[in-house]
PDB file of all heavy atoms in Angstrom:
ATOM      1  N   ASP A   1      -5.043 -15.767  -8.766  1.00  0.00           N
ATOM      2  CA  ASP A   1      -6.253 -14.991  -9.043  1.00  0.00           C
ATOM      3  C   ASP A   1      -6.143 -13.549  -8.556  1.00  0.00           C
ATOM      4  O   ASP A   1      -7.114 -12.802  -8.617  1.00  0.00           O
ATOM      5  CB  ASP A   1      -7.478 -15.659  -8.410  1.00  0.00           C
ATOM      6  CG  ASP A   1      -7.404 -15.695  -6.891  1.00  0.00           C
ATOM      7  OD1 ASP A   1      -6.426 -15.185  -6.323  1.00  0.00           O
ATOM      8  OD2 ASP A   1      -8.338 -16.236  -6.261  1.00  0.00           O
ATOM      9  N   GLY A   2      -4.965 -13.160  -8.070  1.00  0.00           N
ATOM     10  CA  GLY A   2      -4.734 -11.761  -7.734  1.00  0.00           C
ATOM     11  C   GLY A   2      -4.909 -11.389  -6.271  1.00  0.00           C
ATOM     12  O   GLY A   2      -4.773 -10.212  -5.921  1.00  0.00           O
ATOM     13  N   THR A   3      -5.182 -12.331  -5.405  1.00  0.00           N
ATOM     14  CA  THR A   3      -5.276 -12.036  -3.981  1.00  0.00           C
ATOM     15  C   THR A   3      -3.887 -11.718  -3.434  1.00  0.00           C
ATOM     16  O   THR A   3      -2.941 -12.459  -3.680  1.00  0.00           O
ATOM     17  CB  THR A   3      -5.867 -13.222  -3.218  1.00  0.00           C
ATOM     18  OG1 THR A   3      -7.165 -13.517  -3.753  1.00  0.00           O
ATOM     19  CG2 THR A   3      -5.987 -12.908  -1.740  1.00  0.00           C
ATOM     20  N   THR A   4      -3.777 -10.610  -2.700  1.00  0.00           N
ATOM     21  CA  THR A   4      -2.473 -10.171  -2.213  1.00  0.00           C
ATOM     22  C   THR A   4      -2.379 -10.209  -0.689  1.00  0.00           C
ATOM     23  O   THR A   4      -3.388 -10.177   0.013  1.00  0.00           O
ATOM     24  CB  THR A   4      -2.168  -8.739  -2.682  1.00  0.00           C
ATOM     25  OG1 THR A   4      -3.212  -7.864  -2.226  1.00  0.00           O
ATOM     26  CG2 THR A   4      -2.078  -8.668  -4.194  1.00  0.00           C
ATOM     27  N   ASN A   5      -1.161 -10.253  -0.224  1.00  0.00           N
ATOM     28  CA  ASN A   5      -0.869 -10.260   1.203  1.00  0.00           C
ATOM     29  C   ASN A   5       0.417  -9.483   1.412  1.00  0.00           C
ATOM     30  O   ASN A   5       1.382  -9.684   0.663  1.00  0.00           O
ATOM     31  CB  ASN A   5      -0.706 -11.703   1.705  1.00  0.00           C
ATOM     32  CG  ASN A   5      -0.443 -11.779   3.188  1.00  0.00           C
ATOM     33  OD1 ASN A   5      -1.007 -11.022   3.963  1.00  0.00           O
ATOM     34  ND2 ASN A   5       0.422 -12.698   3.601  1.00  0.00           N
ATOM     35  N   TYR A   6       0.433  -8.604   2.417  1.00  0.00           N
ATOM     36  CA  TYR A   6       1.597  -7.756   2.656  1.00  0.00           C
ATOM     37  C   TYR A   6       2.034  -7.822   4.114  1.00  0.00           C
ATOM     38  O   TYR A   6       1.210  -7.951   5.016  1.00  0.00           O
ATOM     39  CB  TYR A   6       1.285  -6.291   2.335  1.00  0.00           C
ATOM     40  CG  TYR A   6       1.018  -6.000   0.894  1.00  0.00           C
ATOM     41  CD1 TYR A   6      -0.278  -6.012   0.389  1.00  0.00           C
ATOM     42  CD2 TYR A   6       2.061  -5.699   0.025  1.00  0.00           C
ATOM     43  CE1 TYR A   6      -0.531  -5.748  -0.942  1.00  0.00           C
ATOM     44  CE2 TYR A   6       1.825  -5.421  -1.308  1.00  0.00           C
ATOM     45  CZ  TYR A   6       0.532  -5.450  -1.781  1.00  0.00           C
ATOM     46  OH  TYR A   6       0.292  -5.176  -3.105  1.00  0.00           O
ATOM     47  N   ALA A   7       3.330  -7.671   4.321  1.00  0.00           N
ATOM     48  CA  ALA A   7       3.829  -7.462   5.672  1.00  0.00           C
ATOM     49  C   ALA A   7       3.360  -6.091   6.145  1.00  0.00           C
ATOM     50  O   ALA A   7       3.261  -5.144   5.354  1.00  0.00           O
ATOM     51  CB  ALA A   7       5.357  -7.521   5.689  1.00  0.00           C
ATOM     52  N   ASP A   8       3.075  -5.983   7.440  1.00  0.00           N
ATOM     53  CA  ASP A   8       2.591  -4.710   7.976  1.00  0.00           C
ATOM     54  C   ASP A   8       3.580  -3.570   7.708  1.00  0.00           C
ATOM     55  O   ASP A   8       3.178  -2.426   7.484  1.00  0.00           O
ATOM     56  CB  ASP A   8       2.345  -4.834   9.478  1.00  0.00           C
ATOM     57  CG  ASP A   8       1.119  -5.664   9.806  1.00  0.00           C
ATOM     58  OD1 ASP A   8       0.274  -5.865   8.907  1.00  0.00           O
ATOM     59  OD2 ASP A   8       0.992  -6.112  10.959  1.00  0.00           O
ATOM     60  N   SER A   9       4.854  -3.883   7.722  1.00  0.00           N
ATOM     61  CA  SER A   9       5.886  -2.858   7.589  1.00  0.00           C
ATOM     62  C   SER A   9       5.934  -2.218   6.198  1.00  0.00           C
ATOM     63  O   SER A   9       6.536  -1.158   6.032  1.00  0.00           O
ATOM     64  CB  SER A   9       7.258  -3.445   7.919  1.00  0.00           C
ATOM     65  OG  SER A   9       7.560  -4.521   7.047  1.00  0.00           O
ATOM     66  N   VAL A  10       5.301  -2.850   5.201  1.00  0.00           N
ATOM     67  CA  VAL A  10       5.360  -2.309   3.836  1.00  0.00           C
ATOM     68  C   VAL A  10       3.995  -1.905   3.306  1.00  0.00           C
ATOM     69  O   VAL A  10       3.910  -1.359   2.196  1.00  0.00           O
ATOM     70  CB  VAL A  10       6.024  -3.316   2.872  1.00  0.00           C
ATOM     71  CG1 VAL A  10       7.374  -3.754   3.395  1.00  0.00           C
ATOM     72  CG2 VAL A  10       5.127  -4.513   2.602  1.00  0.00           C
ATOM     73  N   LYS A  11       2.940  -2.150   4.062  1.00  0.00           N
ATOM     74  CA  LYS A  11       1.594  -1.791   3.600  1.00  0.00           C
ATOM     75  C   LYS A  11       1.510  -0.297   3.303  1.00  0.00           C
ATOM     76  O   LYS A  11       1.974   0.530   4.079  1.00  0.00           O
ATOM     77  CB  LYS A  11       0.559  -2.179   4.651  1.00  0.00           C
ATOM     78  CG  LYS A  11       0.262  -3.657   4.712  1.00  0.00           C
ATOM     79  CD  LYS A  11      -0.806  -3.980   5.763  1.00  0.00           C
ATOM     80  CE  LYS A  11      -1.089  -5.466   5.812  1.00  0.00           C
ATOM     81  NZ  LYS A  11      -2.074  -5.808   6.874  1.00  0.00           N
ATOM     82  N   GLY A  12       0.928   0.032   2.156  1.00  0.00           N
ATOM     83  CA  GLY A  12       0.798   1.425   1.759  1.00  0.00           C
ATOM     84  C   GLY A  12       2.010   1.960   1.020  1.00  0.00           C
ATOM     85  O   GLY A  12       1.942   3.060   0.451  1.00  0.00           O
ATOM     86  N   ARG A  13       3.112   1.221   1.014  1.00  0.00           N
ATOM     87  CA  ARG A  13       4.324   1.681   0.324  1.00  0.00           C
ATOM     88  C   ARG A  13       4.699   0.752  -0.829  1.00  0.00           C
ATOM     89  O   ARG A  13       5.191   1.218  -1.852  1.00  0.00           O
ATOM     90  CB  ARG A  13       5.502   1.743   1.298  1.00  0.00           C
ATOM     91  CG  ARG A  13       5.302   2.699   2.460  1.00  0.00           C
ATOM     92  CD  ARG A  13       6.590   2.869   3.269  1.00  0.00           C
ATOM     93  NE  ARG A  13       7.021   1.625   3.882  1.00  0.00           N
ATOM     94  CZ  ARG A  13       8.224   1.075   3.714  1.00  0.00           C
ATOM     95  NH1 ARG A  13       9.106   1.667   2.921  1.00  0.00           N
ATOM     96  NH2 ARG A  13       8.547  -0.060   4.322  1.00  0.00           N
ATOM     97  N   PHE A  14       4.491  -0.541  -0.657  1.00  0.00           N
ATOM     98  CA  PHE A  14       4.864  -1.527  -1.674  1.00  0.00           C
ATOM     99  C   PHE A  14       3.611  -2.086  -2.333  1.00  0.00           C
ATOM    100  O   PHE A  14       2.566  -2.234  -1.689  1.00  0.00           O
ATOM    101  CB  PHE A  14       5.631  -2.684  -1.042  1.00  0.00           C
ATOM    102  CG  PHE A  14       7.008  -2.348  -0.534  1.00  0.00           C
ATOM    103  CD1 PHE A  14       7.458  -1.042  -0.432  1.00  0.00           C
ATOM    104  CD2 PHE A  14       7.865  -3.371  -0.135  1.00  0.00           C
ATOM    105  CE1 PHE A  14       8.725  -0.744   0.046  1.00  0.00           C
ATOM    106  CE2 PHE A  14       9.128  -3.098   0.344  1.00  0.00           C
ATOM    107  CZ  PHE A  14       9.551  -1.784   0.441  1.00  0.00           C
ATOM    108  N   THR A  15       3.743  -2.432  -3.615  1.00  0.00           N
ATOM    109  CA  THR A  15       2.649  -3.060  -4.342  1.00  0.00           C
ATOM    110  C   THR A  15       3.181  -4.247  -5.122  1.00  0.00           C
ATOM    111  O   THR A  15       4.131  -4.105  -5.904  1.00  0.00           O
ATOM    112  CB  THR A  15       1.993  -2.070  -5.319  1.00  0.00           C
ATOM    113  OG1 THR A  15       1.515  -0.935  -4.599  1.00  0.00           O
ATOM    114  CG2 THR A  15       0.828  -2.734  -6.041  1.00  0.00           C
ATOM    115  N   VAL A  16       2.559  -5.405  -4.913  1.00  0.00           N
ATOM    116  CA  VAL A  16       2.933  -6.608  -5.656  1.00  0.00           C
ATOM    117  C   VAL A  16       1.916  -6.819  -6.771  1.00  0.00           C
ATOM    118  O   VAL A  16       0.715  -6.597  -6.587  1.00  0.00           O
ATOM    119  CB  VAL A  16       3.001  -7.838  -4.724  1.00  0.00           C
ATOM    120  CG1 VAL A  16       1.656  -8.158  -4.093  1.00  0.00           C
ATOM    121  CG2 VAL A  16       3.571  -9.047  -5.457  1.00  0.00           C
ATOM    122  N   SER A  17       2.412  -7.203  -7.937  1.00  0.00           N
ATOM    123  CA  SER A  17       1.538  -7.475  -9.072  1.00  0.00           C
ATOM    124  C   SER A  17       2.112  -8.640  -9.855  1.00  0.00           C
ATOM    125  O   SER A  17       3.258  -9.044  -9.655  1.00  0.00           O
ATOM    126  CB  SER A  17       1.383  -6.237  -9.956  1.00  0.00           C
ATOM    127  OG  SER A  17       2.636  -5.822 -10.466  1.00  0.00           O
ATOM    128  N   ARG A  18       1.292  -9.145 -10.767  1.00  0.00           N
ATOM    129  CA  ARG A  18       1.681 -10.367 -11.458  1.00  0.00           C
ATOM    130  C   ARG A  18       1.116 -10.351 -12.867  1.00  0.00           C
ATOM    131  O   ARG A  18      -0.033  -9.967 -13.074  1.00  0.00           O
ATOM    132  CB  ARG A  18       1.137 -11.560 -10.666  1.00  0.00           C
ATOM    133  CG  ARG A  18       1.378 -12.924 -11.217  1.00  0.00           C
ATOM    134  CD  ARG A  18       0.923 -13.952 -10.188  1.00  0.00           C
ATOM    135  NE  ARG A  18       1.027 -15.300 -10.692  1.00  0.00           N
ATOM    136  CZ  ARG A  18       0.822 -16.385  -9.970  1.00  0.00           C
ATOM    137  NH1 ARG A  18       0.498 -16.277  -8.685  1.00  0.00           N
ATOM    138  NH2 ARG A  18       0.927 -17.584 -10.495  1.00  0.00           N
ATOM    139  N   ASP A  19       1.919 -10.756 -13.826  1.00  0.00           N
ATOM    140  CA  ASP A  19       1.484 -10.910 -15.208  1.00  0.00           C
ATOM    141  C   ASP A  19       1.593 -12.381 -15.554  1.00  0.00           C
ATOM    142  O   ASP A  19       2.688 -12.885 -15.843  1.00  0.00           O
ATOM    143  CB  ASP A  19       2.347 -10.050 -16.137  1.00  0.00           C
ATOM    144  CG  ASP A  19       1.824 -10.032 -17.561  1.00  0.00           C
ATOM    145  OD1 ASP A  19       1.061 -10.958 -17.928  1.00  0.00           O
ATOM    146  OD2 ASP A  19       2.185  -9.118 -18.303  1.00  0.00           O
ATOM    147  N   ASN A  20       0.477 -13.086 -15.499  1.00  0.00           N
ATOM    148  CA  ASN A  20       0.491 -14.529 -15.754  1.00  0.00           C
ATOM    149  C   ASN A  20       0.880 -14.860 -17.196  1.00  0.00           C
ATOM    150  O   ASN A  20       1.396 -15.951 -17.470  1.00  0.00           O
ATOM    151  CB  ASN A  20      -0.865 -15.136 -15.411  1.00  0.00           C
ATOM    152  CG  ASN A  20      -1.158 -15.095 -13.921  1.00  0.00           C
ATOM    153  OD1 ASN A  20      -0.257 -15.200 -13.092  1.00  0.00           O
ATOM    154  ND2 ASN A  20      -2.425 -14.942 -13.574  1.00  0.00           N
ATOM    155  N   ALA A  21       0.620 -13.941 -18.112  1.00  0.00           N
ATOM    156  CA  ALA A  21       0.931 -14.199 -19.518  1.00  0.00           C
ATOM    157  C   ALA A  21       2.429 -14.349 -19.756  1.00  0.00           C
ATOM    158  O   ALA A  21       2.849 -15.074 -20.671  1.00  0.00           O
ATOM    159  CB  ALA A  21       0.378 -13.083 -20.388  1.00  0.00           C
ATOM    160  N   VAL A  22       3.227 -13.661 -18.940  1.00  0.00           N
ATOM    161  CA  VAL A  22       4.689 -13.749 -19.105  1.00  0.00           C
ATOM    162  C   VAL A  22       5.341 -14.329 -17.857  1.00  0.00           C
ATOM    163  O   VAL A  22       6.563 -14.274 -17.711  1.00  0.00           O
ATOM    164  CB  VAL A  22       5.307 -12.372 -19.442  1.00  0.00           C
ATOM    165  CG1 VAL A  22       4.857 -11.929 -20.824  1.00  0.00           C
ATOM    166  CG2 VAL A  22       4.936 -11.331 -18.416  1.00  0.00           C
ATOM    167  N   ASN A  23       4.512 -14.898 -16.967  1.00  0.00           N
ATOM    168  CA  ASN A  23       5.035 -15.582 -15.775  1.00  0.00           C
ATOM    169  C   ASN A  23       6.006 -14.712 -14.983  1.00  0.00           C
ATOM    170  O   ASN A  23       7.113 -15.141 -14.622  1.00  0.00           O
ATOM    171  CB  ASN A  23       5.714 -16.891 -16.179  1.00  0.00           C
ATOM    172  CG  ASN A  23       4.765 -17.826 -16.907  1.00  0.00           C
ATOM    173  OD1 ASN A  23       3.699 -18.139 -16.416  1.00  0.00           O
ATOM    174  ND2 ASN A  23       5.155 -18.241 -18.104  1.00  0.00           N
ATOM    175  N   THR A  24       5.589 -13.483 -14.731  1.00  0.00           N
ATOM    176  CA  THR A  24       6.446 -12.524 -14.040  1.00  0.00           C
ATOM    177  C   THR A  24       5.689 -11.878 -12.886  1.00  0.00           C
ATOM    178  O   THR A  24       4.508 -11.553 -13.022  1.00  0.00           O
ATOM    179  CB  THR A  24       6.953 -11.449 -15.005  1.00  0.00           C
ATOM    180  OG1 THR A  24       7.708 -12.075 -16.062  1.00  0.00           O
ATOM    181  CG2 THR A  24       7.852 -10.446 -14.294  1.00  0.00           C
ATOM    182  N   VAL A  25       6.377 -11.717 -11.773  1.00  0.00           N
ATOM    183  CA  VAL A  25       5.822 -11.011 -10.625  1.00  0.00           C
ATOM    184  C   VAL A  25       6.678  -9.775 -10.373  1.00  0.00           C
ATOM    185  O   VAL A  25       7.894  -9.794 -10.589  1.00  0.00           O
ATOM    186  CB  VAL A  25       5.762 -11.921  -9.377  1.00  0.00           C
ATOM    187  CG1 VAL A  25       7.147 -12.352  -8.927  1.00  0.00           C
ATOM    188  CG2 VAL A  25       5.011 -11.244  -8.240  1.00  0.00           C
ATOM    189  N   TYR A  26       6.035  -8.702  -9.951  1.00  0.00           N
ATOM    190  CA  TYR A  26       6.707  -7.427  -9.746  1.00  0.00           C
ATOM    191  C   TYR A  26       6.512  -6.957  -8.304  1.00  0.00           C
ATOM    192  O   TYR A  26       5.527  -7.307  -7.656  1.00  0.00           O
ATOM    193  CB  TYR A  26       6.138  -6.361 -10.686  1.00  0.00           C
ATOM    194  CG  TYR A  26       6.162  -6.752 -12.139  1.00  0.00           C
ATOM    195  CD1 TYR A  26       5.046  -7.323 -12.738  1.00  0.00           C
ATOM    196  CD2 TYR A  26       7.303  -6.557 -12.911  1.00  0.00           C
ATOM    197  CE1 TYR A  26       5.054  -7.694 -14.073  1.00  0.00           C
ATOM    198  CE2 TYR A  26       7.323  -6.923 -14.252  1.00  0.00           C
ATOM    199  CZ  TYR A  26       6.197  -7.487 -14.828  1.00  0.00           C
ATOM    200  OH  TYR A  26       6.227  -7.855 -16.144  1.00  0.00           O
ATOM    201  N   LEU A  27       7.437  -6.135  -7.858  1.00  0.00           N
ATOM    202  CA  LEU A  27       7.281  -5.479  -6.562  1.00  0.00           C
ATOM    203  C   LEU A  27       7.653  -4.013  -6.743  1.00  0.00           C
ATOM    204  O   LEU A  27       8.826  -3.686  -6.943  1.00  0.00           O
ATOM    205  CB  LEU A  27       8.161  -6.118  -5.492  1.00  0.00           C
ATOM    206  CG  LEU A  27       7.978  -5.563  -4.078  1.00  0.00           C
ATOM    207  CD1 LEU A  27       6.583  -5.925  -3.544  1.00  0.00           C
ATOM    208  CD2 LEU A  27       9.057  -6.086  -3.130  1.00  0.00           C
ATOM    209  N   GLN A  28       6.650  -3.158  -6.712  1.00  0.00           N
ATOM    210  CA  GLN A  28       6.873  -1.725  -6.780  1.00  0.00           C
ATOM    211  C   GLN A  28       7.070  -1.215  -5.363  1.00  0.00           C
ATOM    212  O   GLN A  28       6.185  -1.370  -4.520  1.00  0.00           O
ATOM    213  CB  GLN A  28       5.687  -1.010  -7.433  1.00  0.00           C
ATOM    214  CG  GLN A  28       5.819   0.496  -7.491  1.00  0.00           C
ATOM    215  CD  GLN A  28       6.956   0.951  -8.396  1.00  0.00           C
ATOM    216  OE1 GLN A  28       7.119   0.428  -9.498  1.00  0.00           O
ATOM    217  NE2 GLN A  28       7.734   1.920  -7.933  1.00  0.00           N
ATOM    218  N   MET A  29       8.225  -0.624  -5.122  1.00  0.00           N
ATOM    219  CA  MET A  29       8.568  -0.160  -3.780  1.00  0.00           C
ATOM    220  C   MET A  29       8.704   1.353  -3.791  1.00  0.00           C
ATOM    221  O   MET A  29       9.580   1.891  -4.481  1.00  0.00           O
ATOM    222  CB  MET A  29       9.880  -0.815  -3.316  1.00  0.00           C
ATOM    223  CG  MET A  29       9.844  -2.332  -3.358  1.00  0.00           C
ATOM    224  SD  MET A  29      11.325  -3.097  -2.671  1.00  0.00           S
ATOM    225  CE  MET A  29      12.536  -2.596  -3.885  1.00  0.00           C
ATOM    226  N   ASN A  30       7.833   2.017  -3.068  1.00  0.00           N
ATOM    227  CA  ASN A  30       7.858   3.475  -2.948  1.00  0.00           C
ATOM    228  C   ASN A  30       8.133   3.855  -1.503  1.00  0.00           C
ATOM    229  O   ASN A  30       7.936   3.059  -0.590  1.00  0.00           O
ATOM    230  CB  ASN A  30       6.529   4.070  -3.389  1.00  0.00           C
ATOM    231  CG  ASN A  30       6.194   3.763  -4.835  1.00  0.00           C
ATOM    232  OD1 ASN A  30       7.081   3.660  -5.684  1.00  0.00           O
ATOM    233  ND2 ASN A  30       4.919   3.603  -5.125  1.00  0.00           N
ATOM    234  N   GLY A  31       8.567   5.080  -1.300  1.00  0.00           N
ATOM    235  CA  GLY A  31       8.825   5.535   0.054  1.00  0.00           C
ATOM    236  C   GLY A  31       9.823   4.678   0.792  1.00  0.00           C
ATOM    237  O   GLY A  31       9.640   4.369   1.974  1.00  0.00           O
TER     238      GLY A  31
END
């Protein structure tokens, strides 16, 4: 349902997302 959880070390830099239609999860890593 889209609830996310992050390690403290990556908060504000990484973003996790998910496309249920294609059963794929992504991790956008910045900085």
